Amino acid sequence: MTSAWWGLAIAVIGALGGAAGTALVLRRGAGRMRAELAALELMVQSRADQVNALSHELRTPLSMIKGAVDLLREGTPGPLTGAQEKFLQVVDNQSTQVISLCESLLLQAKIEAGLFTPRPEKTDVAVIVRDVTAAMRSLCEQRDQRITLDTPQVMPRILADPMLLTQAMTNLLSNASRFTTTGGSIDVRVMVVDSGVAVYVTDDGAGMTRTERERLFQRFATGRPLLDGTGLGLVITKIIIELHGGEILVHTASTRGTTFLLTLPSGS
């Protein structure tokens, strides 16, 4: 009997020792995981800070350049010749594109670092789409492109961040203009659907192959390698729509144009 009790005691002590060893291993593993997570957070924060600093350093002088160009085009220092006006138009367009790129890089870095929170409010998506379309008309006219807009008379307001949706729509329309041929057309449509709101942006450009479609939402990859662009605009657009609980879909075929569909839930 005594030997049996001793055997049981030894077994219990062994089990306790094993449990203690397991607990020690688990604690050490948890400690390593916490240290790795802290290192990753520090790395992400460092990357966000670097992108923030770089964006600021680029954006500030570019904004000054654009401001000077605007004054020149207004004729404040004096009248311009036709050739000078054309050159300034090029400088203006390129400055705007680089400033937009800086904004996209900064926004993406903030989102990835967990430093960005959308500011939703009751928003009329049709009003945002109308404003962005109106702002894009001058660029489309320079490329001899026609842009049409179809929106309902009455739209339900949904919870959304107006600034983010404006950026998403600007990215989509800029992309459509870039891929549409000279003299082509871009059609924009806003619809009320069961789940909320849908926005269609259709161009009559060259479309995409299956390989190009698979690379569409990759950073620094564009649908057509010979065209300008970094691919960041569509990446940011996808992030913005998903932040709102929505989805972005693409229908495209080579030589048959492309349609982007954004869906935004009414309770986003």
C-alpha atoms as a PDB file:
ATOM      1  CA  MET A   1       0.000   0.000   0.000  1.00  0.00           C
ATOM      2  CA  THR A   2       2.786   2.372   0.937  1.00  0.00           C
ATOM      3  CA  SER A   3       4.634   1.616  -2.281  1.00  0.00           C
ATOM      4  CA  ALA A   4       1.407   2.252  -4.196  1.00  0.00           C
ATOM      5  CA  TRP A   5       1.024   5.665  -2.535  1.00  0.00           C
ATOM      6  CA  TRP A   6       4.632   6.453  -3.300  1.00  0.00           C
ATOM      7  CA  GLY A   7       4.077   5.488  -6.928  1.00  0.00           C
ATOM      8  CA  LEU A   8       1.002   7.705  -7.115  1.00  0.00           C
ATOM      9  CA  ALA A   9       2.870  10.597  -5.473  1.00  0.00           C
ATOM     10  CA  ILE A  10       5.779  10.227  -7.877  1.00  0.00           C
ATOM     11  CA  ALA A  11       3.343  10.183 -10.804  1.00  0.00           C
ATOM     12  CA  VAL A  12       1.563  13.330  -9.540  1.00  0.00           C
ATOM     13  CA  ILE A  13       4.884  15.103  -8.961  1.00  0.00           C
ATOM     14  CA  GLY A  14       6.006  14.093 -12.431  1.00  0.00           C
ATOM     15  CA  ALA A  15       2.774  15.347 -13.943  1.00  0.00           C
ATOM     16  CA  LEU A  16       3.080  18.628 -12.057  1.00  0.00           C
ATOM     17  CA  GLY A  17       6.672  18.954 -13.172  1.00  0.00           C
ATOM     18  CA  GLY A  18       5.657  18.287 -16.757  1.00  0.00           C
ATOM     19  CA  ALA A  19       2.842  20.824 -16.524  1.00  0.00           C
ATOM     20  CA  ALA A  20       5.205  23.380 -15.041  1.00  0.00           C
ATOM     21  CA  GLY A  21       7.673  22.724 -17.837  1.00  0.00           C
ATOM     22  CA  THR A  22       4.928  23.073 -20.415  1.00  0.00           C
ATOM     23  CA  ALA A  23       3.761  26.310 -18.818  1.00  0.00           C
ATOM     24  CA  LEU A  24       7.325  27.610 -18.834  1.00  0.00           C
ATOM     25  CA  VAL A  25       7.679  26.765 -22.536  1.00  0.00           C
ATOM     26  CA  LEU A  26       4.335  28.436 -23.279  1.00  0.00           C
ATOM     27  CA  ARG A  27       5.349  31.560 -21.327  1.00  0.00           C
ATOM     28  CA  ARG A  28       8.628  31.725 -23.203  1.00  0.00           C
ATOM     29  CA  GLY A  29       6.794  31.246 -26.502  1.00  0.00           C
ATOM     30  CA  ALA A  30       4.292  33.959 -25.615  1.00  0.00           C
ATOM     31  CA  GLY A  31       7.161  36.235 -24.648  1.00  0.00           C
ATOM     32  CA  ARG A  32       8.864  35.662 -27.985  1.00  0.00           C
ATOM     33  CA  MET A  33       5.596  36.328 -29.829  1.00  0.00           C
ATOM     34  CA  ARG A  34       5.089  39.584 -27.918  1.00  0.00           C
ATOM     35  CA  ALA A  35       8.633  40.633 -28.725  1.00  0.00           C
ATOM     36  CA  GLU A  36       8.154  39.772 -32.412  1.00  0.00           C
ATOM     37  CA  LEU A  37       4.851  41.670 -32.531  1.00  0.00           C
ATOM     38  CA  ALA A  38       6.467  44.677 -30.882  1.00  0.00           C
ATOM     39  CA  ALA A  39       9.300  44.560 -33.420  1.00  0.00           C
ATOM     40  CA  LEU A  40       6.813  44.328 -36.293  1.00  0.00           C
ATOM     41  CA  GLU A  41       4.789  47.241 -34.935  1.00  0.00           C
ATOM     42  CA  LEU A  42       7.972  49.281 -34.609  1.00  0.00           C
ATOM     43  CA  MET A  43       8.964  48.413 -38.180  1.00  0.00           C
ATOM     44  CA  VAL A  44       5.528  49.352 -39.536  1.00  0.00           C
ATOM     45  CA  GLN A  45       5.549  52.596 -37.551  1.00  0.00           C
ATOM     46  CA  SER A  46       9.040  53.387 -38.823  1.00  0.00           C
ATOM     47  CA  ARG A  47       7.922  52.762 -42.410  1.00  0.00           C
ATOM     48  CA  ALA A  48       4.882  54.985 -41.932  1.00  0.00           C
ATOM     49  CA  ASP A  49       7.067  57.747 -40.487  1.00  0.00           C
ATOM     50  CA  GLN A  50       9.486  57.497 -43.414  1.00  0.00           C
ATOM     51  CA  VAL A  51       6.690  57.638 -45.977  1.00  0.00           C
ATOM     52  CA  ASN A  52       5.086  60.519 -44.083  1.00  0.00           C
ATOM     53  CA  ALA A  53       8.338  62.485 -44.086  1.00  0.00           C
ATOM     54  CA  LEU A  54       9.018  61.703 -47.748  1.00  0.00           C
ATOM     55  CA  SER A  55       5.483  62.659 -48.775  1.00  0.00           C
ATOM     56  CA  HIS A  56       5.765  65.938 -46.872  1.00  0.00           C
ATOM     57  CA  GLU A  57       9.146  66.768 -48.398  1.00  0.00           C
ATOM     58  CA  LEU A  58       7.812  66.110 -51.896  1.00  0.00           C
ATOM     59  CA  ARG A  59       4.364  67.591 -51.455  1.00  0.00           C
ATOM     60  CA  THR A  60       5.458  70.969 -50.052  1.00  0.00           C
ATOM     61  CA  PRO A  61       7.689  72.108 -52.957  1.00  0.00           C
ATOM     62  CA  LEU A  62       5.265  70.629 -55.502  1.00  0.00           C
ATOM     63  CA  SER A  63       2.392  72.576 -53.972  1.00  0.00           C
ATOM     64  CA  MET A  64       4.473  75.760 -54.272  1.00  0.00           C
ATOM     65  CA  ILE A  65       5.273  74.943 -57.900  1.00  0.00           C
ATOM     66  CA  LYS A  66       1.595  74.341 -58.637  1.00  0.00           C
ATOM     67  CA  GLY A  67       0.639  77.597 -56.919  1.00  0.00           C
ATOM     68  CA  ALA A  68       3.157  79.518 -59.043  1.00  0.00           C
ATOM     69  CA  VAL A  69       1.865  77.818 -62.198  1.00  0.00           C
ATOM     70  CA  ASP A  70      -1.709  78.777 -61.282  1.00  0.00           C
ATOM     71  CA  LEU A  71      -0.670  82.431 -60.913  1.00  0.00           C
ATOM     72  CA  LEU A  72       1.103  82.360 -64.257  1.00  0.00           C
ATOM     73  CA  ARG A  73      -1.890  80.803 -66.000  1.00  0.00           C
ATOM     74  CA  GLU A  74      -4.193  83.405 -64.475  1.00  0.00           C
ATOM     75  CA  GLY A  75      -2.021  86.051 -66.151  1.00  0.00           C
ATOM     76  CA  THR A  76      -1.114  87.795 -62.880  1.00  0.00           C
ATOM     77  CA  PRO A  77       2.530  88.511 -63.896  1.00  0.00           C
ATOM     78  CA  GLY A  78       1.491  89.253 -67.469  1.00  0.00           C
ATOM     79  CA  PRO A  79      -0.061  87.691 -70.596  1.00  0.00           C
ATOM     80  CA  LEU A  80       1.180  84.328 -71.887  1.00  0.00           C
ATOM     81  CA  THR A  81       1.807  83.145 -75.393  1.00  0.00           C
ATOM     82  CA  GLY A  82       0.033  80.063 -76.678  1.00  0.00           C
ATOM     83  CA  ALA A  83       3.209  77.980 -76.400  1.00  0.00           C
ATOM     84  CA  GLN A  84       3.828  79.123 -72.825  1.00  0.00           C
ATOM     85  CA  GLU A  85       0.255  78.224 -71.892  1.00  0.00           C
ATOM     86  CA  LYS A  86       0.729  74.687 -73.279  1.00  0.00           C
ATOM     87  CA  PHE A  87       3.974  74.178 -71.361  1.00  0.00           C
ATOM     88  CA  LEU A  88       2.385  75.414 -68.137  1.00  0.00           C
ATOM     89  CA  GLN A  89      -0.518  73.048 -68.671  1.00  0.00           C
ATOM     90  CA  VAL A  90       1.934  70.142 -68.788  1.00  0.00           C
ATOM     91  CA  VAL A  91       3.664  71.324 -65.602  1.00  0.00           C
ATOM     92  CA  ASP A  92       0.294  71.762 -63.892  1.00  0.00           C
ATOM     93  CA  ASN A  93      -0.928  68.276 -64.828  1.00  0.00           C
ATOM     94  CA  GLN A  94       2.322  66.558 -63.818  1.00  0.00           C
ATOM     95  CA  SER A  95       2.482  68.418 -60.499  1.00  0.00           C
ATOM     96  CA  THR A  96      -1.089  67.378 -59.731  1.00  0.00           C
ATOM     97  CA  GLN A  97      -0.278  63.737 -60.485  1.00  0.00           C
ATOM     98  CA  VAL A  98       2.790  63.679 -58.230  1.00  0.00           C
ATOM     99  CA  ILE A  99       0.903  65.406 -55.395  1.00  0.00           C
ATOM    100  CA  SER A 100      -1.830  62.776 -55.755  1.00  0.00           C
ATOM    101  CA  LEU A 101       0.830  60.037 -55.628  1.00  0.00           C
ATOM    102  CA  CYS A 102       2.227  61.502 -52.395  1.00  0.00           C
ATOM    103  CA  GLU A 103      -1.252  61.542 -50.877  1.00  0.00           C
ATOM    104  CA  SER A 104      -1.809  57.908 -51.896  1.00  0.00           C
ATOM    105  CA  LEU A 105       1.514  56.774 -50.410  1.00  0.00           C
ATOM    106  CA  LEU A 106       0.793  58.603 -47.167  1.00  0.00           C
ATOM    107  CA  LEU A 107      -2.726  57.227 -46.854  1.00  0.00           C
ATOM    108  CA  GLN A 108      -1.615  53.662 -47.553  1.00  0.00           C
ATOM    109  CA  ALA A 109       1.219  53.880 -45.012  1.00  0.00           C
ATOM    110  CA  LYS A 110      -1.159  55.216 -42.342  1.00  0.00           C
ATOM    111  CA  ILE A 111      -3.711  52.470 -42.989  1.00  0.00           C
ATOM    112  CA  GLU A 112      -1.093  49.711 -42.903  1.00  0.00           C
ATOM    113  CA  ALA A 113       0.361  51.113 -39.672  1.00  0.00           C
ATOM    114  CA  GLY A 114      -3.082  51.257 -38.070  1.00  0.00           C
ATOM    115  CA  LEU A 115      -2.800  55.029 -37.719  1.00  0.00           C
ATOM    116  CA  PHE A 116      -5.791  55.940 -39.863  1.00  0.00           C
ATOM    117  CA  THR A 117      -9.446  55.824 -38.901  1.00  0.00           C
ATOM    118  CA  PRO A 118     -12.238  56.735 -41.334  1.00  0.00           C
ATOM    119  CA  ARG A 119     -14.575  59.551 -40.281  1.00  0.00           C
ATOM    120  CA  PRO A 120     -17.995  58.391 -41.437  1.00  0.00           C
ATOM    121  CA  GLU A 121     -20.962  60.716 -41.740  1.00  0.00           C
ATOM    122  CA  LYS A 122     -24.279  60.669 -43.565  1.00  0.00           C
ATOM    123  CA  THR A 123     -23.147  61.022 -47.170  1.00  0.00           C
ATOM    124  CA  ASP A 124     -24.872  61.414 -50.528  1.00  0.00           C
ATOM    125  CA  VAL A 125     -22.688  59.336 -52.852  1.00  0.00           C
ATOM    126  CA  ALA A 126     -24.297  60.888 -55.942  1.00  0.00           C
ATOM    127  CA  VAL A 127     -23.136  64.369 -54.889  1.00  0.00           C
ATOM    128  CA  ILE A 128     -19.549  63.150 -54.458  1.00  0.00           C
ATOM    129  CA  VAL A 129     -19.594  61.417 -57.851  1.00  0.00           C
ATOM    130  CA  ARG A 130     -21.036  64.539 -59.522  1.00  0.00           C
ATOM    131  CA  ASP A 131     -18.347  66.761 -57.994  1.00  0.00           C
ATOM    132  CA  VAL A 132     -15.500  64.437 -59.021  1.00  0.00           C
ATOM    133  CA  THR A 133     -16.932  64.045 -62.529  1.00  0.00           C
ATOM    134  CA  ALA A 134     -17.193  67.829 -62.914  1.00  0.00           C
ATOM    135  CA  ALA A 135     -13.580  68.233 -61.763  1.00  0.00           C
ATOM    136  CA  MET A 136     -12.442  65.614 -64.301  1.00  0.00           C
ATOM    137  CA  ARG A 137     -14.151  67.172 -67.300  1.00  0.00           C
ATOM    138  CA  SER A 138     -11.312  69.571 -68.108  1.00  0.00           C
ATOM    139  CA  LEU A 139      -8.778  66.724 -68.180  1.00  0.00           C
ATOM    140  CA  CYS A 140     -11.063  64.633 -70.386  1.00  0.00           C
ATOM    141  CA  GLU A 141     -11.595  67.592 -72.730  1.00  0.00           C
ATOM    142  CA  GLN A 142      -7.822  67.947 -73.147  1.00  0.00           C
ATOM    143  CA  ARG A 143      -7.759  64.332 -74.318  1.00  0.00           C
ATOM    144  CA  ASP A 144     -10.851  64.821 -76.493  1.00  0.00           C
ATOM    145  CA  GLN A 145     -12.755  62.361 -74.298  1.00  0.00           C
ATOM    146  CA  ARG A 146     -16.449  62.495 -73.465  1.00  0.00           C
ATOM    147  CA  ILE A 147     -17.602  61.751 -69.913  1.00  0.00           C
ATOM    148  CA  THR A 148     -21.274  61.094 -69.115  1.00  0.00           C
ATOM    149  CA  LEU A 149     -22.969  60.811 -65.738  1.00  0.00           C
ATOM    150  CA  ASP A 150     -26.231  59.139 -64.753  1.00  0.00           C
ATOM    151  CA  THR A 151     -27.474  59.462 -61.152  1.00  0.00           C
ATOM    152  CA  PRO A 152     -30.890  59.011 -59.495  1.00  0.00           C
ATOM    153  CA  GLN A 153     -32.902  62.084 -58.581  1.00  0.00           C
ATOM    154  CA  VAL A 154     -33.132  60.932 -54.960  1.00  0.00           C
ATOM    155  CA  MET A 155     -30.393  59.031 -53.157  1.00  0.00           C
ATOM    156  CA  PRO A 156     -30.375  57.506 -49.670  1.00  0.00           C
ATOM    157  CA  ARG A 157     -27.551  58.827 -47.513  1.00  0.00           C
ATOM    158  CA  ILE A 158     -25.132  56.208 -46.246  1.00  0.00           C
ATOM    159  CA  LEU A 159     -22.483  56.290 -43.541  1.00  0.00           C
ATOM    160  CA  ALA A 160     -19.190  56.979 -45.305  1.00  0.00           C
ATOM    161  CA  ASP A 161     -16.075  59.136 -45.180  1.00  0.00           C
ATOM    162  CA  PRO A 162     -16.608  61.805 -47.895  1.00  0.00           C
ATOM    163  CA  MET A 163     -12.880  62.553 -48.246  1.00  0.00           C
ATOM    164  CA  LEU A 164     -12.012  58.894 -48.806  1.00  0.00           C
ATOM    165  CA  LEU A 165     -14.836  58.337 -51.288  1.00  0.00           C
ATOM    166  CA  THR A 166     -13.768  61.451 -53.199  1.00  0.00           C
ATOM    167  CA  GLN A 167     -10.247  60.065 -53.463  1.00  0.00           C
ATOM    168  CA  ALA A 168     -11.523  56.637 -54.549  1.00  0.00           C
ATOM    169  CA  MET A 169     -13.700  58.153 -57.290  1.00  0.00           C
ATOM    170  CA  THR A 170     -10.905  60.458 -58.430  1.00  0.00           C
ATOM    171  CA  ASN A 171      -8.580  57.474 -58.724  1.00  0.00           C
ATOM    172  CA  LEU A 172     -11.116  55.492 -60.744  1.00  0.00           C
ATOM    173  CA  LEU A 173     -11.948  58.303 -63.169  1.00  0.00           C
ATOM    174  CA  SER A 174      -8.276  59.203 -63.626  1.00  0.00           C
ATOM    175  CA  ASN A 175      -7.559  55.556 -64.392  1.00  0.00           C
ATOM    176  CA  ALA A 176     -10.460  55.404 -66.858  1.00  0.00           C
ATOM    177  CA  SER A 177      -9.246  58.546 -68.643  1.00  0.00           C
ATOM    178  CA  ARG A 178      -5.699  57.200 -68.849  1.00  0.00           C
ATOM    179  CA  PHE A 179      -6.849  53.948 -70.443  1.00  0.00           C
ATOM    180  CA  THR A 180      -9.446  55.463 -72.758  1.00  0.00           C
ATOM    181  CA  THR A 181      -8.311  56.351 -76.255  1.00  0.00           C
ATOM    182  CA  THR A 182      -8.280  59.913 -77.559  1.00  0.00           C
ATOM    183  CA  GLY A 183     -11.810  60.691 -78.671  1.00  0.00           C
ATOM    184  CA  GLY A 184     -13.214  57.885 -76.497  1.00  0.00           C
ATOM    185  CA  SER A 185     -15.896  57.996 -73.838  1.00  0.00           C
ATOM    186  CA  ILE A 186     -16.252  57.294 -70.117  1.00  0.00           C
ATOM    187  CA  ASP A 187     -19.632  56.449 -68.607  1.00  0.00           C
ATOM    188  CA  VAL A 188     -20.326  56.895 -64.878  1.00  0.00           C
ATOM    189  CA  ARG A 189     -23.508  55.593 -63.280  1.00  0.00           C
ATOM    190  CA  VAL A 190     -24.779  55.648 -59.702  1.00  0.00           C
ATOM    191  CA  MET A 191     -27.560  53.234 -58.723  1.00  0.00           C
ATOM    192  CA  VAL A 192     -29.507  52.342 -55.598  1.00  0.00           C
ATOM    193  CA  VAL A 193     -29.353  48.584 -54.968  1.00  0.00           C
ATOM    194  CA  ASP A 194     -30.778  46.328 -52.268  1.00  0.00           C
ATOM    195  CA  SER A 195     -27.583  46.354 -50.224  1.00  0.00           C
ATOM    196  CA  GLY A 196     -26.910  50.089 -50.558  1.00  0.00           C
ATOM    197  CA  VAL A 197     -25.304  52.016 -53.414  1.00  0.00           C
ATOM    198  CA  ALA A 198     -23.467  50.886 -56.551  1.00  0.00           C
ATOM    199  CA  VAL A 199     -21.208  52.993 -58.761  1.00  0.00           C
ATOM    200  CA  TYR A 200     -20.190  51.922 -62.275  1.00  0.00           C
ATOM    201  CA  VAL A 201     -17.257  53.447 -64.177  1.00  0.00           C
ATOM    202  CA  THR A 202     -16.926  52.199 -67.758  1.00  0.00           C
ATOM    203  CA  ASP A 203     -14.318  53.116 -70.355  1.00  0.00           C
ATOM    204  CA  ASP A 204     -14.073  52.070 -73.980  1.00  0.00           C
ATOM    205  CA  GLY A 205     -10.316  51.578 -73.908  1.00  0.00           C
ATOM    206  CA  ALA A 206      -8.207  48.574 -74.813  1.00  0.00           C
ATOM    207  CA  GLY A 207      -9.372  46.465 -71.876  1.00  0.00           C
ATOM    208  CA  MET A 208      -7.105  43.932 -70.185  1.00  0.00           C
ATOM    209  CA  THR A 209      -5.888  40.404 -70.669  1.00  0.00           C
ATOM    210  CA  ARG A 210      -6.306  37.808 -67.906  1.00  0.00           C
ATOM    211  CA  THR A 211      -2.688  38.308 -66.788  1.00  0.00           C
ATOM    212  CA  GLU A 212      -3.106  42.075 -66.606  1.00  0.00           C
ATOM    213  CA  ARG A 213      -6.352  41.611 -64.660  1.00  0.00           C
ATOM    214  CA  GLU A 214      -4.613  39.411 -62.084  1.00  0.00           C
ATOM    215  CA  ARG A 215      -1.987  42.133 -61.483  1.00  0.00           C
ATOM    216  CA  LEU A 216      -4.551  44.924 -61.317  1.00  0.00           C
ATOM    217  CA  PHE A 217      -4.543  45.541 -57.565  1.00  0.00           C
ATOM    218  CA  GLN A 218      -0.819  45.061 -57.021  1.00  0.00           C
ATOM    219  CA  ARG A 219       1.290  48.038 -56.032  1.00  0.00           C
ATOM    220  CA  PHE A 220       3.497  49.461 -58.766  1.00  0.00           C
ATOM    221  CA  ALA A 221       1.776  47.316 -61.391  1.00  0.00           C
ATOM    222  CA  THR A 222      -0.439  48.849 -64.070  1.00  0.00           C
ATOM    223  CA  GLY A 223      -2.796  47.169 -66.490  1.00  0.00           C
ATOM    224  CA  ARG A 224      -0.649  48.262 -69.441  1.00  0.00           C
ATOM    225  CA  PRO A 225       3.121  48.381 -68.851  1.00  0.00           C
ATOM    226  CA  LEU A 226       3.651  51.016 -71.554  1.00  0.00           C
ATOM    227  CA  LEU A 227       1.283  53.515 -69.969  1.00  0.00           C
ATOM    228  CA  ASP A 228       1.974  55.959 -67.161  1.00  0.00           C
ATOM    229  CA  GLY A 229       0.959  55.053 -63.632  1.00  0.00           C
ATOM    230  CA  THR A 230       2.130  53.210 -60.543  1.00  0.00           C
ATOM    231  CA  GLY A 231      -0.955  51.115 -59.849  1.00  0.00           C
ATOM    232  CA  LEU A 232      -1.201  52.725 -56.400  1.00  0.00           C
ATOM    233  CA  GLY A 233      -4.444  54.491 -57.258  1.00  0.00           C
ATOM    234  CA  LEU A 234      -6.390  51.262 -57.674  1.00  0.00           C
ATOM    235  CA  VAL A 235      -4.743  49.702 -54.617  1.00  0.00           C
ATOM    236  CA  ILE A 236      -5.819  52.699 -52.516  1.00  0.00           C
ATOM    237  CA  THR A 237      -9.306  52.600 -54.048  1.00  0.00           C
ATOM    238  CA  LYS A 238      -9.715  48.938 -53.101  1.00  0.00           C
ATOM    239  CA  ILE A 239      -8.534  49.645 -49.545  1.00  0.00           C
ATOM    240  CA  ILE A 240     -10.950  52.573 -49.209  1.00  0.00           C
ATOM    241  CA  ILE A 241     -13.950  50.604 -50.457  1.00  0.00           C
ATOM    242  CA  GLU A 242     -13.158  47.651 -48.186  1.00  0.00           C
ATOM    243  CA  LEU A 243     -12.743  50.013 -45.214  1.00  0.00           C
ATOM    244  CA  HIS A 244     -16.368  50.961 -45.837  1.00  0.00           C
ATOM    245  CA  GLY A 245     -17.440  47.326 -45.901  1.00  0.00           C
ATOM    246  CA  GLY A 246     -17.913  47.438 -49.661  1.00  0.00           C
ATOM    247  CA  GLU A 247     -16.467  45.598 -52.618  1.00  0.00           C
ATOM    248  CA  ILE A 248     -14.843  46.481 -55.937  1.00  0.00           C
ATOM    249  CA  LEU A 249     -15.432  44.260 -58.963  1.00  0.00           C
ATOM    250  CA  VAL A 250     -13.939  44.441 -62.450  1.00  0.00           C
ATOM    251  CA  HIS A 251     -15.314  43.294 -65.778  1.00  0.00           C
ATOM    252  CA  THR A 252     -12.863  43.561 -68.646  1.00  0.00           C
ATOM    253  CA  ALA A 253     -11.811  41.919 -71.864  1.00  0.00           C
ATOM    254  CA  SER A 254      -8.996  42.633 -74.263  1.00  0.00           C
ATOM    255  CA  THR A 255      -9.980  45.342 -76.807  1.00  0.00           C
ATOM    256  CA  ARG A 256     -13.465  45.654 -75.236  1.00  0.00           C
ATOM    257  CA  GLY A 257     -13.006  48.212 -72.476  1.00  0.00           C
ATOM    258  CA  THR A 258     -13.291  47.911 -68.705  1.00  0.00           C
ATOM    259  CA  THR A 259     -16.033  48.420 -66.117  1.00  0.00           C
ATOM    260  CA  PHE A 260     -15.308  48.950 -62.425  1.00  0.00           C
ATOM    261  CA  LEU A 261     -18.184  48.360 -60.021  1.00  0.00           C
ATOM    262  CA  LEU A 262     -18.091  49.753 -56.478  1.00  0.00           C
ATOM    263  CA  THR A 263     -20.660  48.609 -53.929  1.00  0.00           C
ATOM    264  CA  LEU A 264     -21.182  50.452 -50.650  1.00  0.00           C
ATOM    265  CA  PRO A 265     -23.531  49.005 -48.024  1.00  0.00           C
ATOM    266  CA  SER A 266     -26.171  51.306 -46.568  1.00  0.00           C
ATOM    267  CA  GLY A 267     -24.993  50.448 -43.071  1.00  0.00           C
ATOM    268  CA  SER A 268     -21.250  50.782 -43.777  1.00  0.00           C
END
